[in-house]
N, C-alpha and C. Protein backbone atom coordinates (compact mmCIF):
# COMPACT_ATOMS: atom_id res chain seq x y z
N MET A 1 0.86 -1.19 0.00
CA MET A 1 0.00 0.00 0.00
C MET A 1 0.89 1.24 0.00
N SER A 2 0.53 2.20 -0.79
CA SER A 2 1.33 3.41 -0.87
C SER A 2 1.11 4.27 0.37
N LEU A 3 2.03 5.16 0.58
CA LEU A 3 1.96 6.07 1.70
C LEU A 3 0.69 6.90 1.57
N VAL A 4 -0.01 7.05 2.65
CA VAL A 4 -1.27 7.81 2.63
C VAL A 4 -0.95 9.29 2.52
N LYS A 5 -1.53 9.90 1.52
CA LYS A 5 -1.36 11.33 1.33
C LYS A 5 -2.62 12.03 1.79
N VAL A 6 -2.45 13.10 2.51
CA VAL A 6 -3.60 13.84 2.98
C VAL A 6 -3.62 15.18 2.27
N LYS A 7 -4.76 15.51 1.73
CA LYS A 7 -4.89 16.75 0.98
C LYS A 7 -6.07 17.54 1.53
N ARG A 8 -5.82 18.75 1.95
CA ARG A 8 -6.91 19.61 2.39
C ARG A 8 -7.53 20.21 1.14
N GLU A 9 -8.79 19.89 0.92
CA GLU A 9 -9.46 20.37 -0.29
C GLU A 9 -10.29 21.61 -0.04
N GLU A 10 -10.72 21.80 1.18
CA GLU A 10 -11.66 22.87 1.41
C GLU A 10 -11.54 23.33 2.85
N GLU A 11 -11.53 24.63 3.09
CA GLU A 11 -11.52 25.12 4.46
C GLU A 11 -12.35 26.38 4.54
N THR A 12 -13.50 26.29 5.22
CA THR A 12 -14.36 27.44 5.38
C THR A 12 -14.98 27.41 6.76
N LYS A 13 -14.86 28.51 7.48
CA LYS A 13 -15.47 28.66 8.79
C LYS A 13 -15.15 27.50 9.72
N GLY A 14 -13.91 27.03 9.70
CA GLY A 14 -13.50 25.97 10.60
C GLY A 14 -13.95 24.59 10.19
N LYS A 15 -14.67 24.48 9.08
CA LYS A 15 -15.12 23.18 8.60
C LYS A 15 -14.29 22.84 7.38
N TYR A 16 -13.77 21.65 7.32
CA TYR A 16 -13.04 21.27 6.13
C TYR A 16 -13.15 19.79 5.87
N GLN A 17 -12.81 19.45 4.66
CA GLN A 17 -12.85 18.06 4.21
C GLN A 17 -11.43 17.62 3.95
N LYS A 18 -11.11 16.40 4.29
CA LYS A 18 -9.84 15.82 3.90
C LYS A 18 -10.13 14.57 3.10
N LYS A 19 -9.35 14.39 2.08
CA LYS A 19 -9.49 13.20 1.25
C LYS A 19 -8.22 12.40 1.41
N LEU A 20 -8.35 11.17 1.84
CA LEU A 20 -7.21 10.30 1.91
C LEU A 20 -7.04 9.71 0.52
N SER A 21 -5.82 9.55 0.08
CA SER A 21 -5.57 9.16 -1.31
C SER A 21 -6.39 7.94 -1.72
N PRO A 22 -7.11 8.07 -2.83
CA PRO A 22 -7.98 6.97 -3.26
C PRO A 22 -7.17 5.80 -3.80
N THR A 23 -7.72 4.65 -3.65
CA THR A 23 -7.11 3.44 -4.18
C THR A 23 -7.56 3.22 -5.62
N LYS A 24 -6.81 2.44 -6.34
CA LYS A 24 -7.20 2.11 -7.71
C LYS A 24 -7.90 0.76 -7.76
N GLU A 25 -8.16 0.17 -6.61
CA GLU A 25 -8.84 -1.13 -6.51
C GLU A 25 -10.22 -1.01 -7.14
N LYS A 26 -10.54 -1.89 -8.09
CA LYS A 26 -11.80 -1.74 -8.80
C LYS A 26 -13.02 -2.09 -7.95
N ASN A 27 -12.87 -2.90 -6.93
CA ASN A 27 -13.99 -3.24 -6.06
C ASN A 27 -14.06 -2.34 -4.83
N ALA A 28 -13.26 -1.29 -4.81
CA ALA A 28 -13.23 -0.39 -3.66
C ALA A 28 -14.58 0.30 -3.50
N VAL A 29 -14.95 0.52 -2.27
CA VAL A 29 -16.16 1.27 -1.99
C VAL A 29 -15.78 2.68 -1.55
N CYS A 30 -16.69 3.60 -1.74
CA CYS A 30 -16.49 4.98 -1.34
C CYS A 30 -17.10 5.14 0.06
N ILE A 31 -16.29 5.60 1.00
CA ILE A 31 -16.73 5.74 2.39
C ILE A 31 -16.57 7.19 2.83
N PHE A 32 -17.66 7.75 3.38
CA PHE A 32 -17.62 9.06 4.00
C PHE A 32 -17.56 8.85 5.51
N LEU A 33 -16.66 9.56 6.18
CA LEU A 33 -16.62 9.61 7.63
C LEU A 33 -17.07 11.00 8.03
N VAL A 34 -18.08 11.09 8.90
CA VAL A 34 -18.62 12.39 9.28
C VAL A 34 -18.66 12.48 10.80
N ASP A 35 -17.79 13.33 11.35
CA ASP A 35 -17.72 13.50 12.80
C ASP A 35 -17.09 14.86 13.08
N ASP A 36 -17.64 15.59 14.03
CA ASP A 36 -17.09 16.90 14.38
C ASP A 36 -15.92 16.79 15.36
N ASP A 37 -15.66 15.61 15.86
CA ASP A 37 -14.55 15.37 16.79
C ASP A 37 -13.33 14.93 15.99
N LEU A 38 -12.44 15.89 15.72
CA LEU A 38 -11.27 15.60 14.89
C LEU A 38 -10.34 14.56 15.53
N SER A 39 -10.35 14.50 16.85
CA SER A 39 -9.48 13.53 17.53
C SER A 39 -9.97 12.10 17.30
N TYR A 40 -11.18 11.94 16.84
CA TYR A 40 -11.70 10.61 16.49
C TYR A 40 -11.75 10.42 14.97
N LEU A 41 -12.12 11.48 14.28
CA LEU A 41 -12.35 11.40 12.83
C LEU A 41 -11.10 10.98 12.06
N TYR A 42 -10.01 11.71 12.23
CA TYR A 42 -8.84 11.44 11.41
C TYR A 42 -8.11 10.15 11.78
N PRO A 43 -7.97 9.80 13.04
CA PRO A 43 -7.41 8.47 13.33
C PRO A 43 -8.26 7.34 12.73
N LEU A 44 -9.58 7.48 12.78
CA LEU A 44 -10.46 6.48 12.18
C LEU A 44 -10.22 6.42 10.67
N GLY A 45 -10.10 7.57 10.04
CA GLY A 45 -9.83 7.62 8.60
C GLY A 45 -8.53 6.94 8.24
N PHE A 46 -7.48 7.22 9.00
CA PHE A 46 -6.19 6.60 8.72
C PHE A 46 -6.22 5.10 8.97
N PHE A 47 -6.92 4.69 10.03
CA PHE A 47 -7.04 3.25 10.33
C PHE A 47 -7.73 2.54 9.17
N LEU A 48 -8.83 3.09 8.70
CA LEU A 48 -9.57 2.45 7.60
C LEU A 48 -8.77 2.46 6.30
N GLN A 49 -8.06 3.56 6.03
CA GLN A 49 -7.25 3.62 4.82
C GLN A 49 -6.14 2.58 4.87
N LYS A 50 -5.58 2.39 6.04
CA LYS A 50 -4.47 1.44 6.20
C LYS A 50 -4.95 0.00 6.13
N ASN A 51 -6.15 -0.25 6.61
CA ASN A 51 -6.64 -1.61 6.75
C ASN A 51 -7.70 -2.03 5.73
N THR A 52 -8.00 -1.19 4.80
CA THR A 52 -8.96 -1.55 3.75
C THR A 52 -8.45 -0.98 2.44
N GLU A 53 -9.05 -1.37 1.36
CA GLU A 53 -8.68 -0.89 0.02
C GLU A 53 -9.76 0.03 -0.53
N HIS A 54 -10.24 0.95 0.27
CA HIS A 54 -11.36 1.77 -0.14
C HIS A 54 -11.01 3.26 -0.17
N ARG A 55 -11.86 4.04 -0.84
CA ARG A 55 -11.71 5.49 -0.88
C ARG A 55 -12.37 6.07 0.36
N ILE A 56 -11.61 6.85 1.12
CA ILE A 56 -12.09 7.40 2.38
C ILE A 56 -12.11 8.92 2.29
N TYR A 57 -13.25 9.52 2.62
CA TYR A 57 -13.38 10.97 2.67
C TYR A 57 -13.84 11.37 4.06
N CYS A 58 -13.22 12.39 4.63
CA CYS A 58 -13.56 12.84 5.99
C CYS A 58 -14.23 14.21 5.95
N TYR A 59 -15.33 14.34 6.68
CA TYR A 59 -16.07 15.60 6.77
C TYR A 59 -16.35 15.92 8.23
N THR A 60 -16.32 17.21 8.55
CA THR A 60 -16.56 17.63 9.93
C THR A 60 -17.96 18.21 10.13
N SER A 61 -18.77 18.21 9.09
CA SER A 61 -20.14 18.71 9.24
C SER A 61 -21.08 17.92 8.34
N GLY A 62 -22.33 17.88 8.75
CA GLY A 62 -23.35 17.22 7.95
C GLY A 62 -23.58 17.93 6.63
N GLU A 63 -23.48 19.25 6.65
CA GLU A 63 -23.68 20.02 5.44
C GLU A 63 -22.64 19.65 4.38
N ASP A 64 -21.38 19.49 4.80
CA ASP A 64 -20.32 19.10 3.86
C ASP A 64 -20.57 17.71 3.30
N CYS A 65 -21.03 16.81 4.15
CA CYS A 65 -21.34 15.46 3.71
C CYS A 65 -22.42 15.49 2.63
N VAL A 66 -23.51 16.17 2.91
CA VAL A 66 -24.63 16.24 1.96
C VAL A 66 -24.20 16.93 0.67
N LYS A 67 -23.38 17.96 0.77
CA LYS A 67 -22.90 18.69 -0.40
C LYS A 67 -22.08 17.79 -1.32
N HIS A 68 -21.45 16.77 -0.78
CA HIS A 68 -20.58 15.88 -1.58
C HIS A 68 -21.25 14.55 -1.93
N MET A 69 -22.55 14.46 -1.79
CA MET A 69 -23.25 13.21 -2.10
C MET A 69 -23.15 12.84 -3.59
N TYR A 70 -22.78 13.80 -4.43
CA TYR A 70 -22.60 13.49 -5.85
C TYR A 70 -21.49 12.46 -6.06
N GLN A 71 -20.64 12.27 -5.06
CA GLN A 71 -19.57 11.27 -5.16
C GLN A 71 -20.10 9.84 -4.95
N ALA A 72 -21.38 9.73 -4.71
CA ALA A 72 -22.07 8.45 -4.58
C ALA A 72 -21.42 7.50 -3.57
N PRO A 73 -21.38 7.91 -2.29
CA PRO A 73 -20.77 7.03 -1.29
C PRO A 73 -21.57 5.74 -1.13
N ASP A 74 -20.84 4.66 -0.94
CA ASP A 74 -21.49 3.38 -0.65
C ASP A 74 -21.80 3.27 0.84
N ILE A 75 -20.93 3.86 1.65
CA ILE A 75 -21.06 3.79 3.11
C ILE A 75 -20.80 5.17 3.70
N ILE A 76 -21.61 5.53 4.69
CA ILE A 76 -21.34 6.74 5.47
C ILE A 76 -21.29 6.32 6.93
N ILE A 77 -20.19 6.65 7.58
CA ILE A 77 -20.07 6.44 9.02
C ILE A 77 -20.32 7.80 9.64
N LEU A 78 -21.44 7.92 10.35
CA LEU A 78 -21.98 9.21 10.76
C LEU A 78 -22.13 9.31 12.27
N ASP A 79 -21.57 10.36 12.84
CA ASP A 79 -21.69 10.60 14.27
C ASP A 79 -23.14 10.98 14.61
N PHE A 80 -23.72 10.26 15.55
CA PHE A 80 -25.10 10.53 15.97
C PHE A 80 -25.20 11.92 16.59
N ASN A 81 -24.22 12.28 17.43
CA ASN A 81 -24.24 13.56 18.15
C ASN A 81 -23.42 14.62 17.42
N LEU A 82 -23.64 14.75 16.15
CA LEU A 82 -22.91 15.70 15.33
C LEU A 82 -23.27 17.13 15.71
N ASN A 83 -22.28 17.92 16.10
CA ASN A 83 -22.45 19.34 16.43
C ASN A 83 -23.62 19.62 17.37
N PRO A 84 -23.68 18.96 18.53
CA PRO A 84 -24.87 19.11 19.38
C PRO A 84 -25.07 20.51 19.96
N GLU A 85 -24.00 21.29 20.09
CA GLU A 85 -24.14 22.60 20.72
C GLU A 85 -24.29 23.74 19.73
N LEU A 86 -24.17 23.47 18.45
CA LEU A 86 -24.25 24.54 17.47
C LEU A 86 -25.66 24.69 16.90
N PRO A 87 -26.19 25.91 16.92
CA PRO A 87 -27.52 26.13 16.34
C PRO A 87 -27.43 26.19 14.81
N ASN A 88 -28.52 25.87 14.16
CA ASN A 88 -28.64 25.99 12.71
C ASN A 88 -27.66 25.15 11.90
N VAL A 89 -27.22 24.02 12.46
CA VAL A 89 -26.42 23.07 11.70
C VAL A 89 -27.08 21.70 11.84
N MET A 90 -26.83 20.85 10.86
CA MET A 90 -27.48 19.54 10.85
C MET A 90 -26.90 18.62 11.92
N ASN A 91 -27.79 17.93 12.62
CA ASN A 91 -27.32 16.90 13.55
C ASN A 91 -27.29 15.56 12.81
N GLY A 92 -26.85 14.52 13.49
CA GLY A 92 -26.70 13.21 12.85
C GLY A 92 -27.97 12.67 12.24
N LEU A 93 -29.09 12.79 12.95
CA LEU A 93 -30.35 12.27 12.42
C LEU A 93 -30.83 13.05 11.20
N GLU A 94 -30.61 14.35 11.21
CA GLU A 94 -31.00 15.17 10.05
C GLU A 94 -30.17 14.79 8.82
N VAL A 95 -28.89 14.54 9.04
CA VAL A 95 -28.02 14.12 7.94
C VAL A 95 -28.49 12.75 7.42
N LEU A 96 -28.80 11.83 8.33
CA LEU A 96 -29.28 10.51 7.95
C LEU A 96 -30.53 10.63 7.06
N LYS A 97 -31.50 11.45 7.47
CA LYS A 97 -32.72 11.64 6.68
C LYS A 97 -32.39 12.16 5.28
N GLU A 98 -31.54 13.17 5.22
CA GLU A 98 -31.18 13.79 3.94
C GLU A 98 -30.46 12.79 3.03
N VAL A 99 -29.52 12.05 3.59
CA VAL A 99 -28.77 11.05 2.81
C VAL A 99 -29.73 10.02 2.23
N LYS A 100 -30.66 9.53 3.05
CA LYS A 100 -31.59 8.50 2.59
C LYS A 100 -32.54 9.02 1.52
N GLU A 101 -32.84 10.32 1.53
CA GLU A 101 -33.66 10.90 0.47
C GLU A 101 -32.87 11.02 -0.83
N ILE A 102 -31.60 11.40 -0.72
CA ILE A 102 -30.76 11.60 -1.91
C ILE A 102 -30.32 10.28 -2.51
N ARG A 103 -29.87 9.36 -1.64
CA ARG A 103 -29.29 8.08 -2.10
C ARG A 103 -29.70 6.97 -1.16
N PRO A 104 -30.91 6.42 -1.35
CA PRO A 104 -31.45 5.42 -0.42
C PRO A 104 -30.59 4.17 -0.26
N LYS A 105 -29.79 3.81 -1.26
CA LYS A 105 -28.99 2.59 -1.16
C LYS A 105 -27.70 2.76 -0.35
N THR A 106 -27.34 3.98 -0.03
CA THR A 106 -26.14 4.21 0.78
C THR A 106 -26.35 3.61 2.16
N LYS A 107 -25.38 2.84 2.62
CA LYS A 107 -25.45 2.23 3.96
C LYS A 107 -24.89 3.25 4.96
N VAL A 108 -25.71 3.65 5.92
CA VAL A 108 -25.29 4.62 6.92
C VAL A 108 -25.10 3.90 8.25
N ILE A 109 -23.88 3.99 8.77
CA ILE A 109 -23.54 3.40 10.06
C ILE A 109 -23.50 4.55 11.06
N MET A 110 -24.41 4.53 12.01
CA MET A 110 -24.43 5.57 13.03
C MET A 110 -23.39 5.23 14.09
N LEU A 111 -22.67 6.25 14.52
CA LEU A 111 -21.58 6.09 15.47
C LEU A 111 -21.84 7.03 16.64
N SER A 112 -21.71 6.52 17.86
CA SER A 112 -21.99 7.38 19.02
C SER A 112 -21.18 6.94 20.22
N GLY A 113 -20.93 7.90 21.08
CA GLY A 113 -20.25 7.61 22.34
C GLY A 113 -21.19 7.07 23.39
N ARG A 114 -22.46 7.06 23.09
CA ARG A 114 -23.45 6.54 24.05
C ARG A 114 -24.45 5.66 23.33
N GLU A 115 -25.02 4.75 24.07
CA GLU A 115 -26.02 3.86 23.49
C GLU A 115 -27.28 3.93 24.34
N THR A 116 -28.30 4.49 23.75
CA THR A 116 -29.59 4.47 24.42
C THR A 116 -30.58 3.82 23.47
N TYR A 117 -31.57 3.18 24.01
CA TYR A 117 -32.58 2.51 23.21
C TYR A 117 -33.23 3.50 22.25
N GLU A 118 -33.50 4.69 22.74
CA GLU A 118 -34.17 5.72 21.93
C GLU A 118 -33.31 6.13 20.73
N ASP A 119 -32.00 6.34 20.95
CA ASP A 119 -31.11 6.74 19.86
C ASP A 119 -31.00 5.65 18.80
N VAL A 120 -30.83 4.42 19.25
CA VAL A 120 -30.70 3.30 18.31
C VAL A 120 -31.99 3.14 17.51
N THR A 121 -33.12 3.18 18.20
CA THR A 121 -34.42 3.02 17.55
C THR A 121 -34.66 4.11 16.51
N LYS A 122 -34.41 5.36 16.87
CA LYS A 122 -34.59 6.47 15.92
C LYS A 122 -33.73 6.27 14.68
N SER A 123 -32.49 5.90 14.90
CA SER A 123 -31.55 5.71 13.79
C SER A 123 -32.02 4.61 12.85
N LEU A 124 -32.39 3.49 13.40
CA LEU A 124 -32.81 2.35 12.58
C LEU A 124 -34.11 2.64 11.84
N LYS A 125 -35.04 3.34 12.50
CA LYS A 125 -36.31 3.68 11.84
C LYS A 125 -36.10 4.62 10.65
N LEU A 126 -35.06 5.46 10.74
CA LEU A 126 -34.77 6.40 9.66
C LEU A 126 -33.92 5.78 8.55
N GLY A 127 -33.54 4.51 8.73
CA GLY A 127 -32.84 3.82 7.66
C GLY A 127 -31.38 3.51 7.89
N ALA A 128 -30.88 3.71 9.11
CA ALA A 128 -29.48 3.37 9.39
C ALA A 128 -29.26 1.88 9.20
N TYR A 129 -28.12 1.52 8.69
CA TYR A 129 -27.74 0.12 8.48
C TYR A 129 -27.48 -0.55 9.83
N THR A 130 -26.76 0.15 10.70
CA THR A 130 -26.48 -0.33 12.05
C THR A 130 -26.02 0.84 12.91
N TYR A 131 -25.79 0.56 14.18
CA TYR A 131 -25.42 1.57 15.17
C TYR A 131 -24.22 1.01 15.93
N VAL A 132 -23.12 1.76 15.95
CA VAL A 132 -21.89 1.30 16.61
C VAL A 132 -21.50 2.29 17.69
N ILE A 133 -21.13 1.75 18.85
CA ILE A 133 -20.68 2.58 19.97
C ILE A 133 -19.19 2.86 19.84
N LYS A 134 -18.79 4.10 20.12
CA LYS A 134 -17.37 4.47 20.11
C LYS A 134 -16.72 3.88 21.36
N ASP A 135 -16.22 2.68 21.23
CA ASP A 135 -15.51 2.06 22.34
C ASP A 135 -14.25 1.39 21.81
N ILE A 136 -13.58 0.64 22.63
CA ILE A 136 -12.32 0.00 22.25
C ILE A 136 -12.49 -0.93 21.05
N GLU A 137 -13.63 -1.55 20.91
CA GLU A 137 -13.87 -2.51 19.84
C GLU A 137 -14.45 -1.88 18.57
N ALA A 138 -14.71 -0.58 18.59
CA ALA A 138 -15.38 0.07 17.47
C ALA A 138 -14.63 -0.07 16.15
N LEU A 139 -13.32 0.09 16.17
CA LEU A 139 -12.56 0.00 14.92
C LEU A 139 -12.69 -1.37 14.27
N ASP A 140 -12.56 -2.41 15.07
CA ASP A 140 -12.70 -3.76 14.52
C ASP A 140 -14.12 -4.02 14.01
N LYS A 141 -15.12 -3.53 14.76
CA LYS A 141 -16.52 -3.70 14.33
C LYS A 141 -16.75 -2.99 13.00
N LEU A 142 -16.25 -1.76 12.89
CA LEU A 142 -16.43 -1.00 11.66
C LEU A 142 -15.74 -1.68 10.48
N LYS A 143 -14.54 -2.17 10.70
CA LYS A 143 -13.82 -2.86 9.63
C LYS A 143 -14.61 -4.08 9.15
N LYS A 144 -15.17 -4.86 10.08
CA LYS A 144 -15.96 -6.04 9.71
C LYS A 144 -17.22 -5.65 8.94
N ILE A 145 -17.90 -4.61 9.41
CA ILE A 145 -19.13 -4.15 8.75
C ILE A 145 -18.80 -3.67 7.33
N ILE A 146 -17.73 -2.89 7.19
CA ILE A 146 -17.33 -2.37 5.88
C ILE A 146 -16.98 -3.52 4.95
N ASN A 147 -16.25 -4.50 5.45
CA ASN A 147 -15.88 -5.65 4.61
C ASN A 147 -17.11 -6.43 4.17
N THR A 148 -18.10 -6.55 5.04
CA THR A 148 -19.35 -7.24 4.70
C THR A 148 -20.07 -6.48 3.58
N ILE A 149 -20.18 -5.17 3.72
CA ILE A 149 -20.85 -4.35 2.71
C ILE A 149 -20.09 -4.41 1.39
N ALA A 150 -18.76 -4.33 1.45
CA ALA A 150 -17.94 -4.40 0.24
C ALA A 150 -18.11 -5.75 -0.45
N SER A 151 -18.19 -6.80 0.33
CA SER A 151 -18.39 -8.15 -0.24
C SER A 151 -19.75 -8.23 -0.92
N GLU A 152 -20.79 -7.68 -0.29
CA GLU A 152 -22.12 -7.67 -0.89
C GLU A 152 -22.11 -6.88 -2.20
N LYS A 153 -21.39 -5.76 -2.19
CA LYS A 153 -21.31 -4.91 -3.40
C LYS A 153 -20.62 -5.67 -4.54
N SER A 154 -19.54 -6.37 -4.24
CA SER A 154 -18.81 -7.08 -5.29
C SER A 154 -19.64 -8.23 -5.86
N LYS A 155 -20.52 -8.81 -5.05
CA LYS A 155 -21.40 -9.88 -5.55
C LYS A 155 -22.45 -9.33 -6.49
N GLU A 156 -22.90 -8.09 -6.22
CA GLU A 156 -23.89 -7.44 -7.07
C GLU A 156 -23.32 -7.05 -8.43
N ALA A 157 -22.02 -6.75 -8.46
CA ALA A 157 -21.38 -6.25 -9.69
C ALA A 157 -21.17 -7.31 -10.73
């Protein structure tokens, strides 16, 4: 695997997108990571880039994620508690609804530091593929889920 190159493509009002160098693997899936916690977002992006053969894009806001839906992501890993203290910005559930309207086949994995029955239920009712807790095992769980989705995609092709 080649050295991961990080390129800042956009920076506005403290929100920016980073694109980790895309792979040329023909069965690669496009994955969006959406989390306002940079200390979680970028390590997760690097882990997935290192351990999978997929195109990884990182976004710090729901608006940026939705704006880039033209890239036709196969998977979105989305923070449930996205920007909870900021007014007039999309939260995780709002992003989930918008994504499902734009691209219903995109698999959205909700990611959260907490697990409540209400949060999980809301996410699944709105079309989330699954709900993963940010804990020690989260990286391995995400890798397995992504590999399962990628395998399903390659069977469809």
